[in-house]
Amino acid sequence: MSAARPTTSGAVHPRLPSPPPDPAPDCDVCAALAKQRHAAEDRGDVSAASEADAEIRNHPREARRR
């Protein structure tokens, strides 16, 4: 008896990675994260660069209202 083989219903279209986010202007935290990202890219550490991108992307851009 042969095992069932999974099938796909259509073509697979992988997405290209998103461009790196721009650090918020005049934000020391974003500037430090951008510096870390560039250092990680220079040493070929894709994981660390991606983590820095995520932190820049998720860093608050405006003061939070209460």
C-alpha atoms as a PDB file:
ATOM      1  CA  MET A   1       0.000   0.000   0.000  1.00  0.00           C
ATOM      2  CA  SER A   2       1.442   3.390  -0.907  1.00  0.00           C
ATOM      3  CA  ALA A   3       1.132   6.496   1.246  1.00  0.00           C
ATOM      4  CA  ALA A   4      -0.960   9.406   0.012  1.00  0.00           C
ATOM      5  CA  ARG A   5       1.131  12.155  -1.531  1.00  0.00           C
ATOM      6  CA  PRO A   6       0.337  15.776  -0.722  1.00  0.00           C
ATOM      7  CA  THR A   7      -0.489  17.996  -3.666  1.00  0.00           C
ATOM      8  CA  THR A   8      -0.727  21.714  -4.178  1.00  0.00           C
ATOM      9  CA  SER A   9      -3.599  23.395  -5.911  1.00  0.00           C
ATOM     10  CA  GLY A  10      -1.487  25.929  -7.782  1.00  0.00           C
ATOM     11  CA  ALA A  11       1.867  27.528  -8.239  1.00  0.00           C
ATOM     12  CA  VAL A  12       3.832  28.735  -5.233  1.00  0.00           C
ATOM     13  CA  HIS A  13       4.830  32.399  -5.411  1.00  0.00           C
ATOM     14  CA  PRO A  14       7.468  33.241  -2.789  1.00  0.00           C
ATOM     15  CA  ARG A  15       7.654  36.872  -1.732  1.00  0.00           C
ATOM     16  CA  LEU A  16      10.797  38.945  -1.719  1.00  0.00           C
ATOM     17  CA  PRO A  17      11.900  40.235   1.686  1.00  0.00           C
ATOM     18  CA  SER A  18      10.566  43.630   2.725  1.00  0.00           C
ATOM     19  CA  PRO A  19      13.001  46.522   2.443  1.00  0.00           C
ATOM     20  CA  PRO A  20      14.559  47.547   5.755  1.00  0.00           C
ATOM     21  CA  PRO A  21      12.485  50.102   7.672  1.00  0.00           C
ATOM     22  CA  ASP A  22      13.704  53.672   7.963  1.00  0.00           C
ATOM     23  CA  PRO A  23      14.587  54.734  11.506  1.00  0.00           C
ATOM     24  CA  ALA A  24      12.408  57.483  12.935  1.00  0.00           C
ATOM     25  CA  PRO A  25      14.083  60.869  12.575  1.00  0.00           C
ATOM     26  CA  ASP A  26      15.658  62.279  15.736  1.00  0.00           C
ATOM     27  CA  CYS A  27      15.188  58.994  17.628  1.00  0.00           C
ATOM     28  CA  ASP A  28      18.298  57.751  19.404  1.00  0.00           C
ATOM     29  CA  VAL A  29      16.833  54.260  19.848  1.00  0.00           C
ATOM     30  CA  CYS A  30      16.078  53.874  16.130  1.00  0.00           C
ATOM     31  CA  ALA A  31      19.523  55.261  15.233  1.00  0.00           C
ATOM     32  CA  ALA A  32      21.214  52.713  17.520  1.00  0.00           C
ATOM     33  CA  LEU A  33      19.127  49.881  16.048  1.00  0.00           C
ATOM     34  CA  ALA A  34      19.992  50.987  12.508  1.00  0.00           C
ATOM     35  CA  LYS A  35      23.684  50.969  13.466  1.00  0.00           C
ATOM     36  CA  GLN A  36      23.288  47.435  14.879  1.00  0.00           C
ATOM     37  CA  ARG A  37      21.513  46.351  11.688  1.00  0.00           C
ATOM     38  CA  HIS A  38      24.322  47.652   9.475  1.00  0.00           C
ATOM     39  CA  ALA A  39      26.963  45.975  11.641  1.00  0.00           C
ATOM     40  CA  ALA A  40      25.046  42.680  11.459  1.00  0.00           C
ATOM     41  CA  GLU A  41      24.753  42.989   7.678  1.00  0.00           C
ATOM     42  CA  ASP A  42      28.484  43.710   7.396  1.00  0.00           C
ATOM     43  CA  ARG A  43      29.364  40.519   9.261  1.00  0.00           C
ATOM     44  CA  GLY A  44      26.746  38.478   7.370  1.00  0.00           C
ATOM     45  CA  ASP A  45      24.472  37.905  10.383  1.00  0.00           C
ATOM     46  CA  VAL A  46      21.076  37.860   8.659  1.00  0.00           C
ATOM     47  CA  SER A  47      19.246  36.864  11.851  1.00  0.00           C
ATOM     48  CA  ALA A  48      20.552  39.818  13.882  1.00  0.00           C
ATOM     49  CA  ALA A  49      19.841  42.216  11.007  1.00  0.00           C
ATOM     50  CA  SER A  50      16.280  40.900  10.785  1.00  0.00           C
ATOM     51  CA  GLU A  51      15.801  41.300  14.545  1.00  0.00           C
ATOM     52  CA  ALA A  52      16.996  44.909  14.382  1.00  0.00           C
ATOM     53  CA  ASP A  53      14.584  45.542  11.492  1.00  0.00           C
ATOM     54  CA  ALA A  54      11.702  44.146  13.553  1.00  0.00           C
ATOM     55  CA  GLU A  55      12.611  46.342  16.514  1.00  0.00           C
ATOM     56  CA  ILE A  56      12.804  49.466  14.326  1.00  0.00           C
ATOM     57  CA  ARG A  57       9.483  48.564  12.690  1.00  0.00           C
ATOM     58  CA  ASN A  58       7.782  48.020  16.076  1.00  0.00           C
ATOM     59  CA  HIS A  59       9.316  50.998  17.879  1.00  0.00           C
ATOM     60  CA  PRO A  60       6.678  53.631  18.755  1.00  0.00           C
ATOM     61  CA  ARG A  61       6.709  56.518  16.296  1.00  0.00           C
ATOM     62  CA  GLU A  62       4.509  58.914  18.226  1.00  0.00           C
ATOM     63  CA  ALA A  63       3.819  59.613  21.873  1.00  0.00           C
ATOM     64  CA  ARG A  64       1.077  57.319  23.110  1.00  0.00           C
ATOM     65  CA  ARG A  65      -2.156  58.963  24.174  1.00  0.00           C
ATOM     66  CA  ARG A  66      -3.767  58.012  27.446  1.00  0.00           C
END
